[in-house]
Amino acid sequence: MGKYINFTSPVKKPEKLINFYKNVFNWDIQQSSDTENLWKIQMEENPFCHNEFSDFLNQNGVRSIVSIIDVPDLDHSIESIKQNEGKILIDKLEIPHVGKMAYAKDCEGTVFGLIEKNK
């Protein structure tokens, strides 16, 4: 069964958005050392939650916060989405030291992400 594990939010102007969330919610936001278009969000109350801002999503037309679902087999999940009238928006991509991800729309157009973590 897939589990909800984080959110990813697209960003157009990282510095402005980072300052907004730092000032409003006191979030600690740092640019990822793995990729230049990802900023990791550390929240005080949940240090194990992996949330981020992503220029990559913005570049691919995603304009809302995206929930991420942890799946045991990304290939199987992608095929299942297609078979159930969903659409793959961003096919498999490797996230260094993390795993493989994809982004999809469900049958009503809601965007969500999937991740198969490295074992």
N, C-alpha and C. Protein backbone atom coordinates (compact mmCIF):
# COMPACT_ATOMS: atom_id res chain seq x y z
N MET A 1 0.85 -1.17 0.00
CA MET A 1 0.00 0.00 0.00
C MET A 1 0.90 1.24 0.00
N GLY A 2 0.57 2.23 -0.83
CA GLY A 2 1.33 3.47 -0.86
C GLY A 2 1.02 4.33 0.35
N LYS A 3 2.05 5.03 0.86
CA LYS A 3 1.89 5.90 2.03
C LYS A 3 2.23 7.33 1.65
N TYR A 4 1.42 8.30 2.13
CA TYR A 4 1.71 9.71 1.95
C TYR A 4 2.94 10.06 2.78
N ILE A 5 3.95 10.71 2.16
CA ILE A 5 5.17 10.98 2.92
C ILE A 5 5.65 12.42 2.89
N ASN A 6 5.21 13.24 1.91
CA ASN A 6 5.68 14.61 1.90
C ASN A 6 4.90 15.47 0.93
N PHE A 7 5.29 16.75 0.85
CA PHE A 7 4.76 17.59 -0.22
C PHE A 7 5.91 18.27 -0.93
N THR A 8 5.68 18.58 -2.21
CA THR A 8 6.62 19.34 -3.02
C THR A 8 5.83 20.49 -3.64
N SER A 9 6.37 21.68 -3.54
CA SER A 9 5.68 22.85 -4.07
C SER A 9 6.51 23.48 -5.18
N PRO A 10 5.89 23.78 -6.34
CA PRO A 10 6.63 24.44 -7.41
C PRO A 10 7.00 25.86 -7.00
N VAL A 11 8.09 26.36 -7.56
CA VAL A 11 8.56 27.70 -7.21
C VAL A 11 9.07 28.42 -8.45
N LYS A 12 8.66 29.69 -8.61
CA LYS A 12 9.16 30.52 -9.71
C LYS A 12 10.32 31.39 -9.25
N LYS A 13 10.16 32.01 -8.08
CA LYS A 13 11.18 32.91 -7.53
C LYS A 13 11.58 32.36 -6.16
N PRO A 14 12.58 31.46 -6.14
CA PRO A 14 12.93 30.77 -4.90
C PRO A 14 13.22 31.70 -3.72
N GLU A 15 14.01 32.72 -3.92
CA GLU A 15 14.40 33.59 -2.81
C GLU A 15 13.20 34.24 -2.16
N LYS A 16 12.28 34.73 -2.98
CA LYS A 16 11.08 35.39 -2.46
C LYS A 16 10.21 34.41 -1.68
N LEU A 17 9.99 33.22 -2.24
CA LEU A 17 9.15 32.22 -1.59
C LEU A 17 9.81 31.70 -0.31
N ILE A 18 11.11 31.48 -0.35
CA ILE A 18 11.83 31.02 0.84
C ILE A 18 11.69 32.04 1.97
N ASN A 19 11.87 33.32 1.66
CA ASN A 19 11.72 34.36 2.68
C ASN A 19 10.30 34.39 3.23
N PHE A 20 9.30 34.21 2.36
CA PHE A 20 7.91 34.17 2.81
C PHE A 20 7.70 33.09 3.87
N TYR A 21 8.09 31.85 3.56
CA TYR A 21 7.85 30.75 4.49
C TYR A 21 8.75 30.81 5.73
N LYS A 22 9.94 31.35 5.58
CA LYS A 22 10.78 31.55 6.77
C LYS A 22 10.14 32.56 7.71
N ASN A 23 9.64 33.65 7.14
CA ASN A 23 9.05 34.72 7.96
C ASN A 23 7.70 34.33 8.55
N VAL A 24 6.88 33.62 7.79
CA VAL A 24 5.53 33.29 8.25
C VAL A 24 5.52 32.09 9.18
N PHE A 25 6.25 31.02 8.82
CA PHE A 25 6.18 29.77 9.58
C PHE A 25 7.48 29.39 10.29
N ASN A 26 8.52 30.20 10.14
CA ASN A 26 9.81 29.94 10.76
C ASN A 26 10.42 28.62 10.27
N TRP A 27 10.19 28.29 8.99
CA TRP A 27 10.77 27.08 8.42
C TRP A 27 12.23 27.32 8.08
N ASP A 28 13.06 26.30 8.28
CA ASP A 28 14.46 26.33 7.87
C ASP A 28 14.52 25.73 6.47
N ILE A 29 14.91 26.54 5.48
CA ILE A 29 14.92 26.10 4.09
C ILE A 29 16.33 26.26 3.53
N GLN A 30 16.88 25.17 3.02
CA GLN A 30 18.24 25.16 2.49
C GLN A 30 18.24 24.55 1.10
N GLN A 31 19.08 25.09 0.23
CA GLN A 31 19.21 24.51 -1.11
C GLN A 31 19.84 23.12 -0.99
N SER A 32 19.31 22.19 -1.76
CA SER A 32 19.81 20.82 -1.75
C SER A 32 21.23 20.77 -2.30
N SER A 33 22.04 19.94 -1.71
CA SER A 33 23.41 19.76 -2.22
C SER A 33 23.41 18.81 -3.43
N ASP A 34 22.30 18.09 -3.65
CA ASP A 34 22.22 17.13 -4.74
C ASP A 34 21.80 17.74 -6.08
N THR A 35 21.01 18.78 -6.04
CA THR A 35 20.49 19.38 -7.27
C THR A 35 20.24 20.87 -7.07
N GLU A 36 20.51 21.66 -8.09
CA GLU A 36 20.42 23.11 -7.95
C GLU A 36 18.99 23.64 -7.96
N ASN A 37 18.00 22.85 -8.38
CA ASN A 37 16.64 23.36 -8.44
C ASN A 37 15.72 22.75 -7.39
N LEU A 38 16.27 22.44 -6.22
CA LEU A 38 15.49 21.86 -5.13
C LEU A 38 15.94 22.48 -3.81
N TRP A 39 14.97 22.90 -3.00
CA TRP A 39 15.25 23.48 -1.70
C TRP A 39 14.53 22.66 -0.65
N LYS A 40 15.25 22.12 0.32
CA LYS A 40 14.69 21.26 1.36
C LYS A 40 14.12 22.12 2.49
N ILE A 41 12.95 21.71 2.99
CA ILE A 41 12.27 22.43 4.06
C ILE A 41 12.34 21.58 5.32
N GLN A 42 12.91 22.13 6.38
CA GLN A 42 12.97 21.45 7.67
C GLN A 42 11.98 22.13 8.61
N MET A 43 11.02 21.38 9.11
CA MET A 43 10.04 21.94 10.03
C MET A 43 10.34 21.45 11.43
N GLU A 44 10.24 22.35 12.41
CA GLU A 44 10.58 22.03 13.80
C GLU A 44 9.83 20.82 14.34
N GLU A 45 8.52 20.78 14.09
CA GLU A 45 7.71 19.74 14.72
C GLU A 45 7.87 18.37 14.10
N ASN A 46 8.47 18.28 12.91
CA ASN A 46 8.61 16.98 12.26
C ASN A 46 9.93 16.91 11.49
N PRO A 47 11.03 16.64 12.19
CA PRO A 47 12.33 16.66 11.52
C PRO A 47 12.52 15.54 10.51
N PHE A 48 11.62 14.56 10.46
CA PHE A 48 11.78 13.45 9.53
C PHE A 48 10.95 13.60 8.26
N CYS A 49 10.15 14.65 8.19
CA CYS A 49 9.32 14.89 7.02
C CYS A 49 10.16 15.57 5.94
N HIS A 50 10.09 15.11 4.72
CA HIS A 50 10.89 15.64 3.62
C HIS A 50 10.01 16.48 2.70
N ASN A 51 10.05 17.78 2.89
CA ASN A 51 9.26 18.69 2.08
C ASN A 51 10.20 19.62 1.34
N GLU A 52 9.76 20.12 0.17
CA GLU A 52 10.68 20.93 -0.62
C GLU A 52 9.96 21.85 -1.59
N PHE A 53 10.71 22.85 -2.06
CA PHE A 53 10.31 23.68 -3.18
C PHE A 53 11.08 23.18 -4.38
N SER A 54 10.43 23.15 -5.55
CA SER A 54 11.06 22.59 -6.73
C SER A 54 10.87 23.47 -7.96
N ASP A 55 11.96 23.95 -8.50
CA ASP A 55 11.93 24.66 -9.77
C ASP A 55 11.61 23.68 -10.89
N PHE A 56 11.99 22.42 -10.72
CA PHE A 56 11.73 21.39 -11.73
C PHE A 56 10.23 21.25 -11.99
N LEU A 57 9.41 21.23 -10.94
CA LEU A 57 7.96 21.14 -11.13
C LEU A 57 7.45 22.35 -11.88
N ASN A 58 7.92 23.52 -11.48
CA ASN A 58 7.49 24.76 -12.13
C ASN A 58 7.82 24.72 -13.62
N GLN A 59 9.01 24.25 -13.97
CA GLN A 59 9.43 24.17 -15.36
C GLN A 59 8.56 23.22 -16.17
N ASN A 60 7.90 22.27 -15.50
CA ASN A 60 7.05 21.30 -16.18
C ASN A 60 5.56 21.61 -16.04
N GLY A 61 5.24 22.85 -15.70
CA GLY A 61 3.85 23.30 -15.72
C GLY A 61 3.02 22.98 -14.50
N VAL A 62 3.62 22.44 -13.44
CA VAL A 62 2.87 22.13 -12.22
C VAL A 62 2.84 23.39 -11.37
N ARG A 63 1.64 23.83 -10.96
CA ARG A 63 1.49 25.10 -10.25
C ARG A 63 0.87 24.98 -8.86
N SER A 64 0.82 23.78 -8.31
CA SER A 64 0.22 23.62 -6.99
C SER A 64 1.09 22.69 -6.14
N ILE A 65 0.82 22.67 -4.85
CA ILE A 65 1.52 21.77 -3.94
C ILE A 65 1.19 20.34 -4.35
N VAL A 66 2.19 19.48 -4.35
CA VAL A 66 2.03 18.10 -4.80
C VAL A 66 2.32 17.15 -3.64
N SER A 67 1.36 16.29 -3.35
CA SER A 67 1.58 15.23 -2.36
C SER A 67 2.40 14.13 -3.00
N ILE A 68 3.25 13.50 -2.20
CA ILE A 68 4.11 12.42 -2.69
C ILE A 68 3.70 11.13 -1.98
N ILE A 69 3.56 10.06 -2.77
CA ILE A 69 3.18 8.76 -2.24
C ILE A 69 4.35 7.79 -2.40
N ASP A 70 4.72 7.16 -1.31
CA ASP A 70 5.79 6.17 -1.28
C ASP A 70 5.23 4.84 -1.80
N VAL A 71 5.83 4.31 -2.88
CA VAL A 71 5.36 3.06 -3.47
C VAL A 71 6.49 2.03 -3.49
N PRO A 72 6.16 0.74 -3.39
CA PRO A 72 7.22 -0.27 -3.40
C PRO A 72 7.78 -0.53 -4.80
N ASP A 73 6.99 -0.28 -5.86
CA ASP A 73 7.42 -0.58 -7.23
C ASP A 73 6.91 0.53 -8.15
N LEU A 74 7.77 1.47 -8.53
CA LEU A 74 7.37 2.62 -9.33
C LEU A 74 6.85 2.19 -10.70
N ASP A 75 7.52 1.24 -11.35
CA ASP A 75 7.08 0.79 -12.68
C ASP A 75 5.65 0.23 -12.63
N HIS A 76 5.38 -0.58 -11.62
CA HIS A 76 4.04 -1.15 -11.46
C HIS A 76 3.00 -0.03 -11.24
N SER A 77 3.34 0.94 -10.41
CA SER A 77 2.41 2.04 -10.12
C SER A 77 2.14 2.87 -11.37
N ILE A 78 3.17 3.13 -12.17
CA ILE A 78 3.00 3.89 -13.41
C ILE A 78 2.04 3.16 -14.35
N GLU A 79 2.24 1.87 -14.52
CA GLU A 79 1.35 1.09 -15.39
C GLU A 79 -0.08 1.09 -14.86
N SER A 80 -0.22 0.97 -13.55
CA SER A 80 -1.54 0.96 -12.94
C SER A 80 -2.25 2.31 -13.14
N ILE A 81 -1.52 3.39 -13.04
CA ILE A 81 -2.10 4.72 -13.28
C ILE A 81 -2.63 4.80 -14.70
N LYS A 82 -1.83 4.37 -15.66
CA LYS A 82 -2.24 4.41 -17.07
C LYS A 82 -3.48 3.54 -17.32
N GLN A 83 -3.53 2.37 -16.70
CA GLN A 83 -4.64 1.44 -16.90
C GLN A 83 -5.94 1.94 -16.26
N ASN A 84 -5.82 2.91 -15.34
CA ASN A 84 -6.99 3.40 -14.63
C ASN A 84 -7.32 4.85 -14.99
N GLU A 85 -7.01 5.22 -16.24
CA GLU A 85 -7.36 6.52 -16.81
C GLU A 85 -6.59 7.69 -16.21
N GLY A 86 -5.45 7.42 -15.60
CA GLY A 86 -4.57 8.48 -15.14
C GLY A 86 -3.56 8.82 -16.22
N LYS A 87 -2.76 9.82 -15.98
CA LYS A 87 -1.78 10.27 -16.96
C LYS A 87 -0.44 10.53 -16.27
N ILE A 88 0.64 10.07 -16.88
CA ILE A 88 1.98 10.32 -16.35
C ILE A 88 2.44 11.68 -16.90
N LEU A 89 2.76 12.60 -16.01
CA LEU A 89 3.19 13.94 -16.39
C LEU A 89 4.70 14.02 -16.55
N ILE A 90 5.40 13.48 -15.58
CA ILE A 90 6.87 13.47 -15.59
C ILE A 90 7.28 12.03 -15.31
N ASP A 91 7.85 11.38 -16.32
CA ASP A 91 8.20 9.97 -16.19
C ASP A 91 9.36 9.81 -15.20
N LYS A 92 9.75 8.61 -14.98
CA LYS A 92 10.75 8.29 -13.97
C LYS A 92 11.98 9.19 -14.05
N LEU A 93 12.36 9.72 -12.89
CA LEU A 93 13.61 10.45 -12.79
C LEU A 93 14.33 9.99 -11.54
N GLU A 94 15.64 9.94 -11.66
CA GLU A 94 16.48 9.52 -10.53
C GLU A 94 16.76 10.72 -9.64
N ILE A 95 16.56 10.55 -8.35
CA ILE A 95 16.90 11.55 -7.36
C ILE A 95 18.11 10.98 -6.60
N PRO A 96 19.29 11.62 -6.74
CA PRO A 96 20.49 11.07 -6.11
C PRO A 96 20.31 10.81 -4.62
N HIS A 97 20.74 9.65 -4.18
CA HIS A 97 20.73 9.22 -2.77
C HIS A 97 19.32 9.03 -2.21
N VAL A 98 18.28 9.12 -3.05
CA VAL A 98 16.90 9.01 -2.57
C VAL A 98 16.18 7.86 -3.25
N GLY A 99 16.05 7.91 -4.58
CA GLY A 99 15.32 6.87 -5.30
C GLY A 99 14.83 7.38 -6.64
N LYS A 100 13.75 6.76 -7.14
CA LYS A 100 13.15 7.14 -8.42
C LYS A 100 11.79 7.77 -8.15
N MET A 101 11.48 8.83 -8.94
CA MET A 101 10.20 9.52 -8.78
C MET A 101 9.50 9.67 -10.12
N ALA A 102 8.21 9.91 -10.05
CA ALA A 102 7.39 10.25 -11.22
C ALA A 102 6.26 11.14 -10.72
N TYR A 103 5.68 11.89 -11.64
CA TYR A 103 4.52 12.72 -11.31
C TYR A 103 3.39 12.34 -12.25
N ALA A 104 2.16 12.34 -11.72
CA ALA A 104 1.01 11.88 -12.49
C ALA A 104 -0.22 12.72 -12.16
N LYS A 105 -1.26 12.53 -12.98
CA LYS A 105 -2.60 13.05 -12.70
C LYS A 105 -3.52 11.86 -12.52
N ASP A 106 -4.43 11.98 -11.55
CA ASP A 106 -5.42 10.92 -11.41
C ASP A 106 -6.52 11.12 -12.45
N CYS A 107 -7.55 10.30 -12.41
CA CYS A 107 -8.60 10.33 -13.43
C CYS A 107 -9.44 11.60 -13.38
N GLU A 108 -9.29 12.43 -12.33
CA GLU A 108 -10.00 13.70 -12.26
C GLU A 108 -9.07 14.89 -12.41
N GLY A 109 -7.79 14.63 -12.68
CA GLY A 109 -6.85 15.71 -12.95
C GLY A 109 -6.02 16.19 -11.78
N THR A 110 -6.12 15.55 -10.63
CA THR A 110 -5.31 15.94 -9.47
C THR A 110 -3.89 15.43 -9.65
N VAL A 111 -2.92 16.33 -9.48
CA VAL A 111 -1.51 15.98 -9.65
C VAL A 111 -0.97 15.40 -8.33
N PHE A 112 -0.18 14.34 -8.45
CA PHE A 112 0.50 13.76 -7.29
C PHE A 112 1.81 13.16 -7.75
N GLY A 113 2.70 12.94 -6.80
CA GLY A 113 3.98 12.33 -7.10
C GLY A 113 4.08 10.94 -6.50
N LEU A 114 5.00 10.15 -7.04
CA LEU A 114 5.28 8.81 -6.52
C LEU A 114 6.78 8.69 -6.33
N ILE A 115 7.16 7.97 -5.31
CA ILE A 115 8.58 7.71 -5.10
C ILE A 115 8.80 6.25 -4.72
N GLU A 116 9.80 5.66 -5.33
CA GLU A 116 10.30 4.35 -4.92
C GLU A 116 11.67 4.63 -4.33
N LYS A 117 11.78 4.53 -3.01
CA LYS A 117 13.04 4.86 -2.34
C LYS A 117 14.11 3.80 -2.62
N ASN A 118 15.36 4.26 -2.63
CA ASN A 118 16.48 3.31 -2.73
C ASN A 118 16.42 2.37 -1.54
N LYS A 119 16.80 1.15 -1.79
CA LYS A 119 16.77 0.15 -0.71
C LYS A 119 18.10 0.01 -0.06
